[in-house]
N, C-alpha and C. Protein backbone atom coordinates (compact mmCIF):
# COMPACT_ATOMS: atom_id res chain seq x y z
N MET A 1 0.84 -1.18 0.00
CA MET A 1 0.00 0.00 0.00
C MET A 1 0.88 1.25 0.00
N ARG A 2 0.57 2.16 -0.87
CA ARG A 2 1.29 3.44 -0.92
C ARG A 2 0.27 4.51 -1.24
N ARG A 3 0.16 5.50 -0.37
CA ARG A 3 -0.81 6.57 -0.56
C ARG A 3 -0.11 7.90 -0.36
N GLU A 4 -0.21 8.76 -1.34
CA GLU A 4 0.35 10.11 -1.28
C GLU A 4 -0.79 11.10 -1.10
N ILE A 5 -0.64 11.99 -0.14
CA ILE A 5 -1.62 13.03 0.10
C ILE A 5 -0.95 14.36 -0.19
N LYS A 6 -1.54 15.12 -1.09
CA LYS A 6 -0.94 16.36 -1.56
C LYS A 6 -1.38 17.55 -0.71
N PHE A 7 -0.76 18.68 -0.98
CA PHE A 7 -1.10 19.94 -0.31
C PHE A 7 -2.25 20.64 -1.04
N LYS A 8 -2.92 21.51 -0.32
CA LYS A 8 -3.82 22.48 -0.94
C LYS A 8 -2.96 23.71 -1.19
N ASN A 9 -2.42 23.82 -2.38
CA ASN A 9 -1.46 24.90 -2.68
C ASN A 9 -2.06 26.28 -2.53
N TRP A 10 -3.34 26.44 -2.79
CA TRP A 10 -3.97 27.75 -2.65
C TRP A 10 -3.95 28.20 -1.20
N ARG A 11 -4.04 27.28 -0.25
CA ARG A 11 -3.96 27.66 1.16
C ARG A 11 -2.54 28.08 1.55
N ILE A 12 -1.55 27.43 0.96
CA ILE A 12 -0.16 27.80 1.24
C ILE A 12 0.11 29.20 0.69
N ILE A 13 -0.36 29.47 -0.52
CA ILE A 13 -0.17 30.79 -1.11
C ILE A 13 -0.92 31.85 -0.32
N LEU A 14 -2.14 31.53 0.12
CA LEU A 14 -2.89 32.45 0.96
C LEU A 14 -2.16 32.72 2.27
N GLY A 15 -1.57 31.70 2.86
CA GLY A 15 -0.78 31.87 4.08
C GLY A 15 0.44 32.75 3.85
N ILE A 16 1.11 32.56 2.72
CA ILE A 16 2.28 33.38 2.39
C ILE A 16 1.86 34.85 2.26
N LEU A 17 0.75 35.10 1.59
CA LEU A 17 0.27 36.49 1.45
C LEU A 17 -0.11 37.08 2.81
N PHE A 18 -0.81 36.31 3.64
CA PHE A 18 -1.22 36.80 4.94
C PHE A 18 -0.01 37.12 5.83
N PHE A 19 0.95 36.20 5.88
CA PHE A 19 2.12 36.44 6.73
C PHE A 19 3.00 37.55 6.19
N SER A 20 3.00 37.74 4.87
CA SER A 20 3.73 38.88 4.30
C SER A 20 3.09 40.19 4.72
N LEU A 21 1.77 40.24 4.70
CA LEU A 21 1.07 41.46 5.14
C LEU A 21 1.29 41.71 6.63
N MET A 22 1.25 40.68 7.43
CA MET A 22 1.45 40.84 8.87
C MET A 22 2.90 41.26 9.17
N LEU A 23 3.85 40.76 8.39
CA LEU A 23 5.23 41.16 8.55
C LEU A 23 5.40 42.64 8.17
N PHE A 24 4.75 43.05 7.10
CA PHE A 24 4.79 44.45 6.70
C PHE A 24 4.17 45.35 7.78
N ALA A 25 3.07 44.90 8.38
CA ALA A 25 2.44 45.67 9.46
C ALA A 25 3.36 45.75 10.68
N SER A 26 4.04 44.67 10.99
CA SER A 26 4.97 44.66 12.13
C SER A 26 6.14 45.61 11.90
N ILE A 27 6.63 45.65 10.67
CA ILE A 27 7.71 46.58 10.33
C ILE A 27 7.20 48.01 10.46
N SER A 28 5.95 48.25 10.06
CA SER A 28 5.37 49.59 10.22
C SER A 28 5.23 49.97 11.68
N PHE A 29 4.86 49.02 12.54
CA PHE A 29 4.79 49.27 13.98
C PHE A 29 6.15 49.70 14.51
N LEU A 30 7.19 49.07 14.01
CA LEU A 30 8.54 49.37 14.50
C LEU A 30 9.04 50.73 14.00
N LEU A 31 8.81 51.02 12.73
CA LEU A 31 9.37 52.23 12.13
C LEU A 31 8.54 53.49 12.39
N ASN A 32 7.22 53.37 12.39
CA ASN A 32 6.34 54.53 12.57
C ASN A 32 5.30 54.27 13.66
N PRO A 33 5.70 54.18 14.91
CA PRO A 33 4.73 53.86 15.96
C PRO A 33 3.74 54.98 16.24
N GLU A 34 4.09 56.21 15.89
CA GLU A 34 3.21 57.34 16.18
C GLU A 34 1.88 57.24 15.44
N ILE A 35 1.88 56.63 14.28
CA ILE A 35 0.66 56.50 13.49
C ILE A 35 -0.37 55.63 14.22
N PHE A 36 0.09 54.67 15.02
CA PHE A 36 -0.79 53.69 15.64
C PHE A 36 -1.22 54.04 17.07
N ILE A 37 -0.79 55.17 17.58
CA ILE A 37 -1.19 55.58 18.92
C ILE A 37 -2.63 56.09 18.86
N ARG A 38 -3.53 55.45 19.62
CA ARG A 38 -4.94 55.82 19.59
C ARG A 38 -5.37 56.58 20.84
N HIS A 39 -4.87 56.21 22.00
CA HIS A 39 -5.21 56.94 23.21
C HIS A 39 -3.98 57.11 24.07
N PHE A 40 -4.11 57.92 25.10
CA PHE A 40 -2.93 58.34 25.85
C PHE A 40 -2.29 57.21 26.67
N PHE A 41 -2.95 56.06 26.83
CA PHE A 41 -2.35 54.96 27.57
C PHE A 41 -1.30 54.22 26.72
N MET A 42 -1.44 54.26 25.42
CA MET A 42 -0.53 53.56 24.54
C MET A 42 0.68 54.43 24.26
N LYS A 43 1.86 53.87 24.44
CA LYS A 43 3.09 54.60 24.18
C LYS A 43 3.77 54.03 22.94
N ALA A 44 4.62 54.83 22.35
CA ALA A 44 5.34 54.41 21.14
C ALA A 44 6.23 53.20 21.41
N GLU A 45 6.81 53.13 22.61
CA GLU A 45 7.69 52.00 22.94
C GLU A 45 6.93 50.68 22.95
N TYR A 46 5.69 50.68 23.45
CA TYR A 46 4.88 49.46 23.48
C TYR A 46 4.56 48.99 22.06
N ILE A 47 4.25 49.93 21.20
CA ILE A 47 3.95 49.58 19.81
C ILE A 47 5.20 49.04 19.12
N GLN A 48 6.37 49.59 19.42
CA GLN A 48 7.61 49.08 18.83
C GLN A 48 7.93 47.68 19.35
N ILE A 49 7.65 47.41 20.62
CA ILE A 49 7.86 46.05 21.16
C ILE A 49 6.94 45.06 20.45
N ILE A 50 5.69 45.45 20.24
CA ILE A 50 4.78 44.59 19.48
C ILE A 50 5.30 44.38 18.07
N GLY A 51 5.86 45.40 17.46
CA GLY A 51 6.44 45.28 16.12
C GLY A 51 7.62 44.32 16.09
N ILE A 52 8.49 44.38 17.10
CA ILE A 52 9.64 43.46 17.14
C ILE A 52 9.17 42.02 17.30
N ILE A 53 8.22 41.79 18.20
CA ILE A 53 7.69 40.44 18.39
C ILE A 53 7.02 39.95 17.10
N GLY A 54 6.26 40.83 16.47
CA GLY A 54 5.59 40.48 15.22
C GLY A 54 6.57 40.16 14.10
N ILE A 55 7.65 40.93 14.02
CA ILE A 55 8.66 40.66 12.98
C ILE A 55 9.28 39.28 13.19
N ALA A 56 9.62 38.96 14.43
CA ALA A 56 10.21 37.65 14.71
C ALA A 56 9.23 36.52 14.40
N TYR A 57 8.01 36.66 14.86
CA TYR A 57 7.03 35.58 14.71
C TYR A 57 6.58 35.41 13.27
N PHE A 58 6.18 36.48 12.62
CA PHE A 58 5.65 36.37 11.26
C PHE A 58 6.73 36.05 10.23
N SER A 59 7.96 36.46 10.47
CA SER A 59 9.03 36.08 9.53
C SER A 59 9.33 34.58 9.63
N THR A 60 9.26 33.99 10.83
CA THR A 60 9.46 32.54 10.94
C THR A 60 8.31 31.78 10.27
N LEU A 61 7.09 32.25 10.45
CA LEU A 61 5.96 31.58 9.80
C LEU A 61 6.02 31.74 8.29
N LEU A 62 6.40 32.91 7.82
CA LEU A 62 6.54 33.12 6.38
C LEU A 62 7.62 32.20 5.81
N TYR A 63 8.74 32.10 6.49
CA TYR A 63 9.82 31.22 6.06
C TYR A 63 9.35 29.76 6.01
N SER A 64 8.59 29.34 7.03
CA SER A 64 8.13 27.95 7.06
C SER A 64 7.16 27.66 5.92
N PHE A 65 6.31 28.62 5.57
CA PHE A 65 5.40 28.41 4.45
C PHE A 65 6.14 28.41 3.12
N LEU A 66 7.16 29.26 2.99
CA LEU A 66 7.94 29.26 1.76
C LEU A 66 8.71 27.95 1.58
N ARG A 67 9.12 27.33 2.69
CA ARG A 67 9.86 26.07 2.60
C ARG A 67 8.99 24.87 2.22
N ILE A 68 7.69 24.91 2.56
CA ILE A 68 6.84 23.77 2.20
C ILE A 68 6.20 23.93 0.82
N LEU A 69 6.28 25.10 0.23
CA LEU A 69 5.67 25.33 -1.08
C LEU A 69 6.20 24.39 -2.17
N PRO A 70 7.52 24.13 -2.29
CA PRO A 70 7.97 23.25 -3.38
C PRO A 70 7.82 21.74 -3.11
N ARG A 71 7.36 21.34 -1.94
CA ARG A 71 7.22 19.91 -1.63
C ARG A 71 6.11 19.30 -2.48
N LYS A 72 6.36 18.06 -2.94
CA LYS A 72 5.42 17.39 -3.83
C LYS A 72 4.21 16.83 -3.09
N TYR A 73 4.42 16.30 -1.92
CA TYR A 73 3.31 15.72 -1.17
C TYR A 73 3.44 16.10 0.31
N ALA A 74 2.30 16.09 0.99
CA ALA A 74 2.27 16.44 2.41
C ALA A 74 2.51 15.21 3.27
N ILE A 75 1.86 14.11 2.92
CA ILE A 75 1.97 12.88 3.71
C ILE A 75 2.07 11.71 2.75
N LEU A 76 2.98 10.80 3.06
CA LEU A 76 3.13 9.57 2.30
C LEU A 76 2.95 8.41 3.28
N ILE A 77 2.02 7.54 2.97
CA ILE A 77 1.75 6.39 3.82
C ILE A 77 2.11 5.14 3.04
N SER A 78 2.98 4.33 3.62
CA SER A 78 3.35 3.06 2.99
C SER A 78 3.23 1.94 4.02
N ASP A 79 3.59 0.74 3.62
CA ASP A 79 3.48 -0.41 4.53
C ASP A 79 4.50 -0.35 5.66
N ASP A 80 5.64 0.28 5.44
CA ASP A 80 6.71 0.27 6.42
C ASP A 80 6.82 1.55 7.24
N PHE A 81 6.36 2.67 6.69
CA PHE A 81 6.57 3.94 7.37
C PHE A 81 5.54 4.98 6.94
N LEU A 82 5.60 6.10 7.62
CA LEU A 82 4.79 7.28 7.33
C LEU A 82 5.76 8.44 7.17
N ILE A 83 5.63 9.19 6.10
CA ILE A 83 6.45 10.38 5.92
C ILE A 83 5.53 11.59 6.07
N ASP A 84 5.82 12.41 7.08
CA ASP A 84 5.04 13.60 7.36
C ASP A 84 5.82 14.83 6.90
N ASN A 85 5.35 15.44 5.82
CA ASN A 85 5.92 16.69 5.30
C ASN A 85 4.90 17.81 5.36
N SER A 86 3.86 17.65 6.19
CA SER A 86 2.73 18.57 6.17
C SER A 86 3.06 19.95 6.74
N LYS A 87 4.13 20.06 7.50
CA LYS A 87 4.58 21.34 8.03
C LYS A 87 6.10 21.41 7.89
N TYR A 88 6.64 22.59 7.98
CA TYR A 88 8.09 22.75 7.91
C TYR A 88 8.79 22.00 9.04
N GLU A 89 8.20 22.04 10.22
CA GLU A 89 8.84 21.45 11.40
C GLU A 89 8.54 19.97 11.57
N SER A 90 7.90 19.34 10.60
CA SER A 90 7.57 17.92 10.70
C SER A 90 8.83 17.06 10.79
N LEU A 91 8.66 15.88 11.37
CA LEU A 91 9.80 14.98 11.58
C LEU A 91 10.23 14.25 10.32
N GLY A 92 9.35 14.09 9.36
CA GLY A 92 9.70 13.36 8.15
C GLY A 92 9.34 11.90 8.27
N LYS A 93 10.29 11.03 8.03
CA LYS A 93 10.04 9.59 7.98
C LYS A 93 9.92 9.02 9.40
N ILE A 94 8.78 8.36 9.64
CA ILE A 94 8.52 7.72 10.93
C ILE A 94 8.12 6.27 10.66
N ARG A 95 8.84 5.36 11.22
CA ARG A 95 8.51 3.94 11.05
C ARG A 95 7.31 3.59 11.92
N TRP A 96 6.52 2.64 11.47
CA TRP A 96 5.33 2.24 12.23
C TRP A 96 5.70 1.68 13.60
N CYS A 97 6.84 1.04 13.70
CA CYS A 97 7.25 0.47 14.99
C CYS A 97 7.58 1.55 16.01
N ASP A 98 7.83 2.78 15.57
CA ASP A 98 8.13 3.89 16.48
C ASP A 98 6.87 4.59 16.99
N ILE A 99 5.72 4.24 16.44
CA ILE A 99 4.45 4.84 16.85
C ILE A 99 3.78 3.91 17.86
N SER A 100 3.38 4.48 19.00
CA SER A 100 2.72 3.65 20.01
C SER A 100 1.21 3.89 20.06
N GLU A 101 0.75 5.05 19.59
CA GLU A 101 -0.70 5.31 19.64
C GLU A 101 -1.07 6.37 18.60
N ILE A 102 -2.26 6.20 18.03
CA ILE A 102 -2.81 7.16 17.08
C ILE A 102 -4.20 7.55 17.57
N GLN A 103 -4.45 8.86 17.67
CA GLN A 103 -5.77 9.30 18.11
C GLN A 103 -6.09 10.66 17.52
N ARG A 104 -7.37 11.00 17.54
CA ARG A 104 -7.80 12.33 17.10
C ARG A 104 -7.50 13.32 18.21
N PHE A 105 -7.13 14.54 17.82
CA PHE A 105 -6.85 15.60 18.78
C PHE A 105 -7.59 16.84 18.34
N LYS A 106 -8.58 17.23 19.11
CA LYS A 106 -9.44 18.36 18.81
C LYS A 106 -10.12 18.18 17.46
N LYS A 107 -10.37 19.26 16.72
CA LYS A 107 -11.13 19.15 15.48
C LYS A 107 -10.27 18.83 14.26
N ASN A 108 -9.08 19.43 14.17
CA ASN A 108 -8.33 19.38 12.91
C ASN A 108 -6.99 18.67 12.99
N ASN A 109 -6.75 17.86 14.03
CA ASN A 109 -5.44 17.25 14.19
C ASN A 109 -5.53 15.76 14.48
N ILE A 110 -4.48 15.09 14.10
CA ILE A 110 -4.27 13.69 14.48
C ILE A 110 -3.00 13.67 15.32
N GLU A 111 -3.07 13.01 16.45
CA GLU A 111 -1.94 12.96 17.38
C GLU A 111 -1.29 11.59 17.30
N LEU A 112 0.00 11.58 17.02
CA LEU A 112 0.79 10.34 17.00
C LEU A 112 1.71 10.34 18.20
N THR A 113 1.56 9.37 19.06
CA THR A 113 2.46 9.22 20.20
C THR A 113 3.63 8.37 19.76
N LEU A 114 4.84 8.89 19.94
CA LEU A 114 6.04 8.23 19.44
C LEU A 114 6.94 7.79 20.59
N ASN A 115 7.83 6.85 20.27
CA ASN A 115 8.86 6.46 21.22
C ASN A 115 9.82 7.63 21.42
N LYS A 116 10.39 7.73 22.61
CA LYS A 116 11.29 8.85 22.91
C LYS A 116 12.57 8.81 22.08
N THR A 117 12.96 7.65 21.60
CA THR A 117 14.19 7.53 20.82
C THR A 117 14.07 8.26 19.48
N VAL A 118 12.87 8.40 18.97
CA VAL A 118 12.68 9.08 17.69
C VAL A 118 13.10 10.54 17.79
N PHE A 119 12.73 11.19 18.88
CA PHE A 119 13.07 12.59 19.05
C PHE A 119 14.56 12.80 19.30
N LYS A 120 15.22 11.79 19.86
CA LYS A 120 16.65 11.91 20.11
C LYS A 120 17.46 11.71 18.84
N THR A 121 16.98 10.87 17.93
CA THR A 121 17.74 10.59 16.72
C THR A 121 17.55 11.63 15.63
N LYS A 122 16.41 12.34 15.65
CA LYS A 122 16.15 13.36 14.63
C LYS A 122 16.85 14.65 15.00
N LYS A 123 17.70 15.13 14.13
CA LYS A 123 18.39 16.41 14.33
C LYS A 123 17.50 17.52 13.79
N ARG A 124 17.19 18.49 14.65
CA ARG A 124 16.33 19.60 14.25
C ARG A 124 16.96 20.90 14.68
N ASN A 125 16.85 21.89 13.80
CA ASN A 125 17.44 23.19 14.12
C ASN A 125 16.55 23.96 15.10
N LEU A 126 17.04 25.09 15.55
CA LEU A 126 16.34 25.89 16.56
C LEU A 126 14.98 26.38 16.06
N LEU A 127 14.90 26.76 14.80
CA LEU A 127 13.65 27.24 14.24
C LEU A 127 12.59 26.14 14.23
N LYS A 128 12.96 24.94 13.84
CA LYS A 128 12.01 23.83 13.84
C LYS A 128 11.55 23.49 15.25
N ARG A 129 12.47 23.53 16.20
CA ARG A 129 12.09 23.26 17.59
C ARG A 129 11.16 24.33 18.12
N PHE A 130 11.41 25.60 17.77
CA PHE A 130 10.54 26.69 18.21
C PHE A 130 9.13 26.54 17.63
N LEU A 131 9.03 26.27 16.34
CA LEU A 131 7.72 26.12 15.72
C LEU A 131 6.98 24.90 16.25
N THR A 132 7.70 23.83 16.52
CA THR A 132 7.08 22.65 17.11
C THR A 132 6.51 22.97 18.49
N PHE A 133 7.28 23.70 19.28
CA PHE A 133 6.82 24.09 20.61
C PHE A 133 5.60 25.01 20.53
N MET A 134 5.57 25.92 19.56
CA MET A 134 4.45 26.85 19.43
C MET A 134 3.15 26.14 19.02
N HIS A 135 3.25 25.08 18.24
CA HIS A 135 2.06 24.38 17.76
C HIS A 135 1.65 23.21 18.65
N ASN A 136 2.59 22.67 19.43
CA ASN A 136 2.33 21.46 20.20
C ASN A 136 3.06 21.56 21.53
N TRP A 137 2.33 21.76 22.60
CA TRP A 137 2.95 21.93 23.91
C TRP A 137 3.45 20.61 24.47
N ASN A 138 3.00 19.51 23.95
CA ASN A 138 3.45 18.20 24.40
C ASN A 138 4.38 17.60 23.34
N TYR A 139 5.32 18.41 22.90
CA TYR A 139 6.15 18.06 21.74
C TYR A 139 7.21 17.00 22.01
N LYS A 140 7.46 16.64 23.26
CA LYS A 140 8.49 15.63 23.55
C LYS A 140 7.93 14.21 23.54
N LYS A 141 6.62 14.06 23.45
CA LYS A 141 6.00 12.75 23.44
C LYS A 141 5.26 12.44 22.15
N ASN A 142 4.72 13.46 21.51
CA ASN A 142 3.90 13.20 20.33
C ASN A 142 4.05 14.30 19.29
N ILE A 143 3.51 14.00 18.12
CA ILE A 143 3.48 14.98 17.04
C ILE A 143 2.02 15.15 16.61
N LEU A 144 1.73 16.29 16.03
CA LEU A 144 0.40 16.57 15.52
C LEU A 144 0.46 16.69 14.00
N ILE A 145 -0.47 16.02 13.35
CA ILE A 145 -0.63 16.17 11.91
C ILE A 145 -1.92 16.95 11.71
N SER A 146 -1.80 18.11 11.11
CA SER A 146 -2.94 19.01 10.94
C SER A 146 -3.55 18.83 9.56
N SER A 147 -4.85 19.06 9.48
CA SER A 147 -5.53 18.95 8.19
C SER A 147 -5.64 20.31 7.50
N ALA A 148 -5.02 21.34 8.05
CA ALA A 148 -5.19 22.69 7.52
C ALA A 148 -4.65 22.86 6.11
N LEU A 149 -3.54 22.24 5.79
CA LEU A 149 -2.91 22.46 4.49
C LEU A 149 -2.97 21.26 3.55
N ILE A 150 -3.55 20.16 3.99
CA ILE A 150 -3.55 18.96 3.15
C ILE A 150 -4.84 18.84 2.35
N ASP A 151 -4.75 18.15 1.25
CA ASP A 151 -5.87 17.98 0.33
C ASP A 151 -6.58 16.67 0.63
N CYS A 152 -7.04 16.54 1.87
CA CYS A 152 -7.69 15.31 2.30
C CYS A 152 -8.57 15.62 3.49
N ASN A 153 -9.66 14.93 3.58
CA ASN A 153 -10.55 15.03 4.73
C ASN A 153 -9.84 14.42 5.94
N LEU A 154 -10.01 15.02 7.12
CA LEU A 154 -9.33 14.51 8.32
C LEU A 154 -9.81 13.12 8.68
N GLU A 155 -11.09 12.83 8.50
CA GLU A 155 -11.62 11.50 8.79
C GLU A 155 -10.97 10.46 7.89
N GLU A 156 -10.86 10.78 6.62
CA GLU A 156 -10.24 9.86 5.66
C GLU A 156 -8.76 9.65 5.99
N LEU A 157 -8.07 10.72 6.35
CA LEU A 157 -6.66 10.61 6.72
C LEU A 157 -6.48 9.77 7.97
N PHE A 158 -7.31 10.00 8.97
CA PHE A 158 -7.23 9.23 10.21
C PHE A 158 -7.50 7.75 9.94
N GLU A 159 -8.47 7.47 9.11
CA GLU A 159 -8.81 6.08 8.77
C GLU A 159 -7.65 5.42 8.02
N THR A 160 -7.06 6.13 7.07
CA THR A 160 -5.95 5.57 6.30
C THR A 160 -4.74 5.29 7.18
N ILE A 161 -4.40 6.24 8.06
CA ILE A 161 -3.26 6.04 8.96
C ILE A 161 -3.54 4.91 9.93
N SER A 162 -4.74 4.86 10.47
CA SER A 162 -5.09 3.82 11.44
C SER A 162 -5.06 2.43 10.81
N VAL A 163 -5.59 2.31 9.60
CA VAL A 163 -5.59 1.01 8.91
C VAL A 163 -4.16 0.56 8.63
N ALA A 164 -3.32 1.47 8.14
CA ALA A 164 -1.92 1.11 7.86
C ALA A 164 -1.19 0.73 9.14
N TYR A 165 -1.45 1.45 10.22
CA TYR A 165 -0.81 1.15 11.50
C TYR A 165 -1.28 -0.19 12.04
N GLU A 166 -2.58 -0.45 11.99
CA GLU A 166 -3.10 -1.72 12.50
C GLU A 166 -2.63 -2.90 11.66
N LYS A 167 -2.47 -2.68 10.36
CA LYS A 167 -1.99 -3.76 9.50
C LYS A 167 -0.56 -4.15 9.90
N THR A 168 0.29 -3.15 10.11
CA THR A 168 1.66 -3.46 10.53
C THR A 168 1.69 -3.98 11.95
N ASP A 169 0.79 -3.49 12.81
CA ASP A 169 0.72 -3.96 14.18
C ASP A 169 0.25 -5.41 14.22
N SER A 170 -0.72 -5.76 13.37
CA SER A 170 -1.18 -7.15 13.33
C SER A 170 -0.11 -8.05 12.73
N ASN A 171 0.69 -7.53 11.77
CA ASN A 171 1.79 -8.33 11.22
C ASN A 171 2.84 -8.60 12.29
N LYS A 172 3.10 -7.59 13.16
CA LYS A 172 4.06 -7.80 14.24
C LYS A 172 3.55 -8.86 15.20
N LYS A 173 2.25 -8.83 15.52
CA LYS A 173 1.68 -9.80 16.45
C LYS A 173 1.72 -11.20 15.89
N THR A 174 1.42 -11.34 14.59
CA THR A 174 1.41 -12.68 14.00
C THR A 174 2.82 -13.22 13.88
N THR A 175 3.80 -12.37 13.61
CA THR A 175 5.17 -12.87 13.51
C THR A 175 5.71 -13.23 14.89
N HIS A 176 5.30 -12.50 15.92
CA HIS A 176 5.76 -12.84 17.26
C HIS A 176 5.10 -14.10 17.78
N ASN A 177 3.85 -14.35 17.39
CA ASN A 177 3.17 -15.54 17.85
C ASN A 177 3.70 -16.80 17.21
N THR A 178 4.23 -16.72 16.00
CA THR A 178 4.73 -17.90 15.32
C THR A 178 6.12 -18.29 15.81
N VAL A 179 6.83 -17.38 16.45
CA VAL A 179 8.19 -17.67 16.88
C VAL A 179 8.20 -18.48 18.12
């Protein structure tokens, strides 16, 4: 079994445009804070601090969206592994034996609980670790696969991942029972 799930490219482009506009607004907050002062409680320094935070945050999000734009597929499901490319900070190739649990998380996410060794073996830069922390507060135990940018229904994706996982899990059980 091999299933490729593609991106919704129009959502990625829309995200790039949105984050570009927010970055431009943050730069405006930093350079011209006087324009944004509405009442006497707001000071120019506060607006500049908001601009600095906005520049840091929106530039990282813009960079992450630009990095996933040329990717061919968001998720690849095969008999041996799952490749998650749905976000810039995704782990990539995950073997089924490294996954201990699959469940739905809120409305738009699938939560994969992984072995701790997976996180130790994957080398990730500071930006990827920051974005992972911002999207998933329990980032040392599990990963989240979001349906926001993929061209697939979340129910269908959850069913496909669960079936592939159970198939490999049942193969492990049958091979262990025969030994």
